[in-house]
């Protein structure tokens, strides 16, 4: 861009966490309930291996018949990979109660949160933390309650500044520049 030129944001879908807000704001959860659905399985489309065996069926069965509110698949993660991790998170609520559960932390947040991507066993490349595969079981009523309560059960928004995007300058040439992506 030339000095003084207008800058417009690229309006594209937010990070994969934006699904929670859209699920309710756009009436998708209501539509699913009208169809008799009590829960859903979601997965990131760029994870084709998630659907090649009985993984999705097993997750759905375990979640539904086990009366679970939320769950996700994990796998081993290589140290240094650009993937979020699953961690045991403890939160102190305003009323003094402590809630503990498994949560996702994006790799872009490691340094800010003081997380060291250490090996599970010395001399190996397998991370201490399992990978978040973005394959989720979601009970619709539990998700609705979590979204409305705002108690931190679902990840908050972060600005991922480790992305590059292609832009076309006024001279018609394409350039790749650092950009941010709002993730939830």
C-alpha atoms as a PDB file:
ATOM      1  CA  UNK A   1       0.000   0.000   0.000  1.00  0.00           C
ATOM      2  CA  UNK A   2       1.082   3.527  -0.629  1.00  0.00           C
ATOM      3  CA  UNK A   3       1.268   6.065   2.151  1.00  0.00           C
ATOM      4  CA  UNK A   4      -2.194   7.433   2.910  1.00  0.00           C
ATOM      5  CA  UNK A   5      -4.004   4.634   1.079  1.00  0.00           C
ATOM      6  CA  UNK A   6      -7.108   3.194   2.735  1.00  0.00           C
ATOM      7  CA  UNK A   7      -6.616  -0.121   4.504  1.00  0.00           C
ATOM      8  CA  UNK A   8      -9.557  -2.510   4.600  1.00  0.00           C
ATOM      9  CA  UNK A   9      -9.653  -5.670   6.740  1.00  0.00           C
ATOM     10  CA  UNK A  10     -10.004  -9.014   5.001  1.00  0.00           C
ATOM     11  CA  UNK A  11     -13.338 -10.359   6.151  1.00  0.00           C
ATOM     12  CA  UNK A  12     -13.084 -14.118   6.204  1.00  0.00           C
ATOM     13  CA  UNK A  13     -14.165 -16.714   8.712  1.00  0.00           C
ATOM     14  CA  UNK A  14     -12.406 -16.297  12.049  1.00  0.00           C
ATOM     15  CA  UNK A  15     -10.414 -19.025  13.740  1.00  0.00           C
ATOM     16  CA  UNK A  16     -12.027 -22.402  14.205  1.00  0.00           C
ATOM     17  CA  UNK A  17     -13.317 -21.332  17.623  1.00  0.00           C
ATOM     18  CA  UNK A  18     -15.699 -18.866  15.973  1.00  0.00           C
ATOM     19  CA  UNK A  19     -18.021 -21.823  15.456  1.00  0.00           C
ATOM     20  CA  UNK A  20     -19.444 -21.429  18.989  1.00  0.00           C
ATOM     21  CA  UNK A  21     -20.723 -17.936  18.400  1.00  0.00           C
ATOM     22  CA  UNK A  22     -22.033 -18.740  14.917  1.00  0.00           C
ATOM     23  CA  UNK A  23     -23.745 -21.931  16.092  1.00  0.00           C
ATOM     24  CA  UNK A  24     -26.169 -19.908  18.201  1.00  0.00           C
ATOM     25  CA  UNK A  25     -26.194 -16.497  16.504  1.00  0.00           C
ATOM     26  CA  UNK A  26     -27.122 -17.966  13.131  1.00  0.00           C
ATOM     27  CA  UNK A  27     -29.769 -20.366  14.480  1.00  0.00           C
ATOM     28  CA  UNK A  28     -27.890 -23.538  13.545  1.00  0.00           C
ATOM     29  CA  UNK A  29     -28.212 -25.041  17.038  1.00  0.00           C
ATOM     30  CA  UNK A  30     -31.956 -24.313  17.068  1.00  0.00           C
ATOM     31  CA  UNK A  31     -32.342 -25.916  13.625  1.00  0.00           C
ATOM     32  CA  UNK A  32     -30.418 -29.009  14.784  1.00  0.00           C
ATOM     33  CA  UNK A  33     -32.627 -29.318  17.884  1.00  0.00           C
ATOM     34  CA  UNK A  34     -35.744 -29.073  15.675  1.00  0.00           C
ATOM     35  CA  UNK A  35     -34.325 -32.040  13.752  1.00  0.00           C
ATOM     36  CA  UNK A  36     -34.072 -33.992  17.020  1.00  0.00           C
ATOM     37  CA  UNK A  37     -30.307 -33.647  17.361  1.00  0.00           C
ATOM     38  CA  UNK A  38     -28.930 -33.368  20.892  1.00  0.00           C
ATOM     39  CA  UNK A  39     -25.238 -33.298  20.052  1.00  0.00           C
ATOM     40  CA  UNK A  40     -22.884 -32.807  17.110  1.00  0.00           C
ATOM     41  CA  UNK A  41     -19.458 -33.913  15.978  1.00  0.00           C
ATOM     42  CA  UNK A  42     -17.373 -31.169  14.425  1.00  0.00           C
ATOM     43  CA  UNK A  43     -14.013 -31.467  12.757  1.00  0.00           C
ATOM     44  CA  UNK A  44     -11.649 -29.219  10.917  1.00  0.00           C
ATOM     45  CA  UNK A  45     -12.017 -29.917   7.212  1.00  0.00           C
ATOM     46  CA  UNK A  46      -8.245 -29.893   6.754  1.00  0.00           C
ATOM     47  CA  UNK A  47      -7.958 -32.988   8.970  1.00  0.00           C
ATOM     48  CA  UNK A  48      -8.967 -35.751   6.515  1.00  0.00           C
ATOM     49  CA  UNK A  49      -7.531 -38.555   8.651  1.00  0.00           C
ATOM     50  CA  UNK A  50     -10.176 -37.909  11.301  1.00  0.00           C
ATOM     51  CA  UNK A  51     -12.805 -39.595   9.157  1.00  0.00           C
ATOM     52  CA  UNK A  52     -11.008 -42.633   7.750  1.00  0.00           C
ATOM     53  CA  UNK A  53     -11.796 -45.153  10.483  1.00  0.00           C
ATOM     54  CA  UNK A  54     -14.261 -45.470  13.360  1.00  0.00           C
ATOM     55  CA  UNK A  55     -12.852 -42.474  15.257  1.00  0.00           C
ATOM     56  CA  UNK A  56     -15.855 -40.185  14.726  1.00  0.00           C
ATOM     57  CA  UNK A  57     -18.345 -42.930  15.559  1.00  0.00           C
ATOM     58  CA  UNK A  58     -16.405 -43.882  18.691  1.00  0.00           C
ATOM     59  CA  UNK A  59     -16.275 -40.262  19.871  1.00  0.00           C
ATOM     60  CA  UNK A  60     -20.007 -39.795  19.224  1.00  0.00           C
ATOM     61  CA  UNK A  61     -20.895 -42.996  21.063  1.00  0.00           C
ATOM     62  CA  UNK A  62     -18.680 -42.250  24.041  1.00  0.00           C
ATOM     63  CA  UNK A  63     -20.013 -38.698  24.298  1.00  0.00           C
ATOM     64  CA  UNK A  64     -23.691 -39.497  23.865  1.00  0.00           C
ATOM     65  CA  UNK A  65     -23.982 -42.720  25.863  1.00  0.00           C
ATOM     66  CA  UNK A  66     -21.594 -41.425  28.512  1.00  0.00           C
ATOM     67  CA  UNK A  67     -23.712 -38.297  29.017  1.00  0.00           C
ATOM     68  CA  UNK A  68     -20.754 -36.040  28.208  1.00  0.00           C
ATOM     69  CA  UNK A  69     -21.096 -32.303  27.605  1.00  0.00           C
ATOM     70  CA  UNK A  70     -17.955 -31.871  25.533  1.00  0.00           C
ATOM     71  CA  UNK A  71     -14.996 -33.906  24.374  1.00  0.00           C
ATOM     72  CA  UNK A  72     -12.270 -34.028  21.770  1.00  0.00           C
ATOM     73  CA  UNK A  73      -9.811 -36.392  20.197  1.00  0.00           C
ATOM     74  CA  UNK A  74      -6.103 -36.013  20.830  1.00  0.00           C
ATOM     75  CA  UNK A  75      -2.966 -37.548  19.428  1.00  0.00           C
ATOM     76  CA  UNK A  76       0.769 -37.350  19.989  1.00  0.00           C
ATOM     77  CA  UNK A  77       2.354 -34.069  18.978  1.00  0.00           C
ATOM     78  CA  UNK A  78       5.877 -33.414  17.726  1.00  0.00           C
ATOM     79  CA  UNK A  79       7.767 -30.728  19.639  1.00  0.00           C
ATOM     80  CA  UNK A  80       7.726 -27.417  17.795  1.00  0.00           C
ATOM     81  CA  UNK A  81       4.765 -28.211  15.549  1.00  0.00           C
ATOM     82  CA  UNK A  82       2.334 -25.392  14.789  1.00  0.00           C
ATOM     83  CA  UNK A  83      -0.608 -27.055  16.543  1.00  0.00           C
ATOM     84  CA  UNK A  84      -2.545 -26.267  19.675  1.00  0.00           C
ATOM     85  CA  UNK A  85      -2.241 -28.528  22.699  1.00  0.00           C
ATOM     86  CA  UNK A  86      -4.598 -29.935  25.300  1.00  0.00           C
ATOM     87  CA  UNK A  87      -3.800 -29.062  28.891  1.00  0.00           C
ATOM     88  CA  UNK A  88      -5.379 -29.425  32.304  1.00  0.00           C
ATOM     89  CA  UNK A  89      -6.580 -25.916  33.154  1.00  0.00           C
ATOM     90  CA  UNK A  90      -7.667 -24.619  36.552  1.00  0.00           C
ATOM     91  CA  UNK A  91      -9.762 -21.469  36.854  1.00  0.00           C
ATOM     92  CA  UNK A  92     -10.787 -19.626  40.010  1.00  0.00           C
ATOM     93  CA  UNK A  93     -14.318 -18.273  39.638  1.00  0.00           C
ATOM     94  CA  UNK A  94     -15.593 -14.971  41.094  1.00  0.00           C
ATOM     95  CA  UNK A  95     -17.440 -16.859  43.839  1.00  0.00           C
ATOM     96  CA  UNK A  96     -14.152 -18.474  44.942  1.00  0.00           C
ATOM     97  CA  UNK A  97     -14.913 -21.905  43.509  1.00  0.00           C
ATOM     98  CA  UNK A  98     -12.252 -23.639  41.444  1.00  0.00           C
ATOM     99  CA  UNK A  99     -13.094 -25.329  38.152  1.00  0.00           C
ATOM    100  CA  UNK A 100     -10.721 -27.757  36.490  1.00  0.00           C
ATOM    101  CA  UNK A 101     -10.993 -29.193  33.006  1.00  0.00           C
ATOM    102  CA  UNK A 102      -9.145 -29.953  29.815  1.00  0.00           C
ATOM    103  CA  UNK A 103      -8.696 -26.960  27.535  1.00  0.00           C
ATOM    104  CA  UNK A 104      -6.904 -26.045  24.328  1.00  0.00           C
ATOM    105  CA  UNK A 105      -4.006 -23.603  24.174  1.00  0.00           C
ATOM    106  CA  UNK A 106      -2.840 -22.453  20.756  1.00  0.00           C
ATOM    107  CA  UNK A 107       0.883 -22.752  20.020  1.00  0.00           C
ATOM    108  CA  UNK A 108       1.008 -18.983  19.477  1.00  0.00           C
ATOM    109  CA  UNK A 109       0.238 -18.494  23.178  1.00  0.00           C
ATOM    110  CA  UNK A 110       3.019 -20.683  24.627  1.00  0.00           C
ATOM    111  CA  UNK A 111       5.519 -17.930  25.352  1.00  0.00           C
ATOM    112  CA  UNK A 112       2.902 -15.554  26.791  1.00  0.00           C
ATOM    113  CA  UNK A 113       1.667 -18.282  29.151  1.00  0.00           C
ATOM    114  CA  UNK A 114       5.155 -19.532  30.050  1.00  0.00           C
ATOM    115  CA  UNK A 115       4.676 -22.956  28.462  1.00  0.00           C
ATOM    116  CA  UNK A 116       7.802 -24.838  27.446  1.00  0.00           C
ATOM    117  CA  UNK A 117       7.292 -27.349  24.660  1.00  0.00           C
ATOM    118  CA  UNK A 118       9.239 -30.097  26.408  1.00  0.00           C
ATOM    119  CA  UNK A 119       9.549 -33.783  25.442  1.00  0.00           C
ATOM    120  CA  UNK A 120       7.410 -36.374  27.180  1.00  0.00           C
ATOM    121  CA  UNK A 121      10.525 -38.513  27.661  1.00  0.00           C
ATOM    122  CA  UNK A 122      14.140 -37.253  27.524  1.00  0.00           C
ATOM    123  CA  UNK A 123      15.747 -37.600  24.110  1.00  0.00           C
ATOM    124  CA  UNK A 124      12.461 -37.959  22.183  1.00  0.00           C
ATOM    125  CA  UNK A 125      10.633 -35.547  19.877  1.00  0.00           C
ATOM    126  CA  UNK A 126       7.156 -36.321  21.253  1.00  0.00           C
ATOM    127  CA  UNK A 127       5.761 -33.364  23.190  1.00  0.00           C
ATOM    128  CA  UNK A 128       4.650 -33.574  26.792  1.00  0.00           C
ATOM    129  CA  UNK A 129       1.318 -32.140  25.614  1.00  0.00           C
ATOM    130  CA  UNK A 130      -1.105 -33.995  23.324  1.00  0.00           C
ATOM    131  CA  UNK A 131      -2.188 -32.335  20.098  1.00  0.00           C
ATOM    132  CA  UNK A 132      -5.616 -30.768  19.699  1.00  0.00           C
ATOM    133  CA  UNK A 133      -6.954 -32.475  16.562  1.00  0.00           C
ATOM    134  CA  UNK A 134     -10.009 -30.190  16.264  1.00  0.00           C
ATOM    135  CA  UNK A 135     -12.333 -33.201  16.323  1.00  0.00           C
ATOM    136  CA  UNK A 136     -15.015 -32.373  18.884  1.00  0.00           C
ATOM    137  CA  UNK A 137     -18.113 -33.886  20.481  1.00  0.00           C
ATOM    138  CA  UNK A 138     -20.521 -31.139  21.555  1.00  0.00           C
ATOM    139  CA  UNK A 139     -23.750 -31.488  23.529  1.00  0.00           C
ATOM    140  CA  UNK A 140     -25.851 -28.605  22.202  1.00  0.00           C
ATOM    141  CA  UNK A 141     -27.481 -27.647  25.522  1.00  0.00           C
ATOM    142  CA  UNK A 142     -24.160 -27.741  27.365  1.00  0.00           C
ATOM    143  CA  UNK A 143     -22.543 -25.570  24.662  1.00  0.00           C
ATOM    144  CA  UNK A 144     -25.414 -23.082  24.844  1.00  0.00           C
ATOM    145  CA  UNK A 145     -25.023 -22.844  28.606  1.00  0.00           C
ATOM    146  CA  UNK A 146     -21.227 -22.403  28.357  1.00  0.00           C
ATOM    147  CA  UNK A 147     -21.499 -19.686  25.697  1.00  0.00           C
ATOM    148  CA  UNK A 148     -24.088 -17.744  27.692  1.00  0.00           C
ATOM    149  CA  UNK A 149     -22.324 -18.065  31.049  1.00  0.00           C
ATOM    150  CA  UNK A 150     -19.027 -16.654  29.778  1.00  0.00           C
ATOM    151  CA  UNK A 151     -17.227 -18.469  32.600  1.00  0.00           C
ATOM    152  CA  UNK A 152     -14.243 -19.390  30.457  1.00  0.00           C
ATOM    153  CA  UNK A 153     -15.331 -22.942  29.663  1.00  0.00           C
ATOM    154  CA  UNK A 154     -14.743 -22.175  25.992  1.00  0.00           C
ATOM    155  CA  UNK A 155     -11.507 -20.530  24.838  1.00  0.00           C
ATOM    156  CA  UNK A 156     -11.471 -16.749  24.611  1.00  0.00           C
ATOM    157  CA  UNK A 157     -10.325 -14.701  21.651  1.00  0.00           C
ATOM    158  CA  UNK A 158      -6.658 -14.354  20.773  1.00  0.00           C
ATOM    159  CA  UNK A 159      -4.931 -12.496  17.974  1.00  0.00           C
ATOM    160  CA  UNK A 160      -2.659 -14.897  16.086  1.00  0.00           C
ATOM    161  CA  UNK A 161       0.078 -12.732  14.555  1.00  0.00           C
ATOM    162  CA  UNK A 162       2.045 -15.619  13.032  1.00  0.00           C
ATOM    163  CA  UNK A 163       0.141 -15.714   9.755  1.00  0.00           C
ATOM    164  CA  UNK A 164       1.125 -14.306   6.371  1.00  0.00           C
ATOM    165  CA  UNK A 165      -1.360 -13.230   3.742  1.00  0.00           C
ATOM    166  CA  UNK A 166      -1.018 -12.383   0.079  1.00  0.00           C
ATOM    167  CA  UNK A 167      -1.936  -8.834  -0.894  1.00  0.00           C
ATOM    168  CA  UNK A 168      -1.915  -7.080  -4.241  1.00  0.00           C
ATOM    169  CA  UNK A 169      -0.368  -3.643  -4.111  1.00  0.00           C
ATOM    170  CA  UNK A 170      -1.474  -0.668  -6.167  1.00  0.00           C
ATOM    171  CA  UNK A 171       1.266  -1.568  -8.588  1.00  0.00           C
ATOM    172  CA  UNK A 172      -0.514  -4.901  -9.237  1.00  0.00           C
ATOM    173  CA  UNK A 173       2.254  -7.017  -7.692  1.00  0.00           C
ATOM    174  CA  UNK A 174       1.504  -9.669  -5.104  1.00  0.00           C
ATOM    175  CA  UNK A 175       3.324  -9.494  -1.768  1.00  0.00           C
ATOM    176  CA  UNK A 176       3.206 -11.659   1.349  1.00  0.00           C
ATOM    177  CA  UNK A 177       2.952  -9.699   4.575  1.00  0.00           C
ATOM    178  CA  UNK A 178       2.499 -10.494   8.266  1.00  0.00           C
ATOM    179  CA  UNK A 179      -1.112 -10.321   9.343  1.00  0.00           C
ATOM    180  CA  UNK A 180      -3.257 -11.201  12.311  1.00  0.00           C
ATOM    181  CA  UNK A 181      -6.142 -13.631  12.576  1.00  0.00           C
ATOM    182  CA  UNK A 182      -8.677 -13.339  15.359  1.00  0.00           C
ATOM    183  CA  UNK A 183      -9.195 -16.783  16.846  1.00  0.00           C
ATOM    184  CA  UNK A 184     -11.615 -17.876  19.512  1.00  0.00           C
END
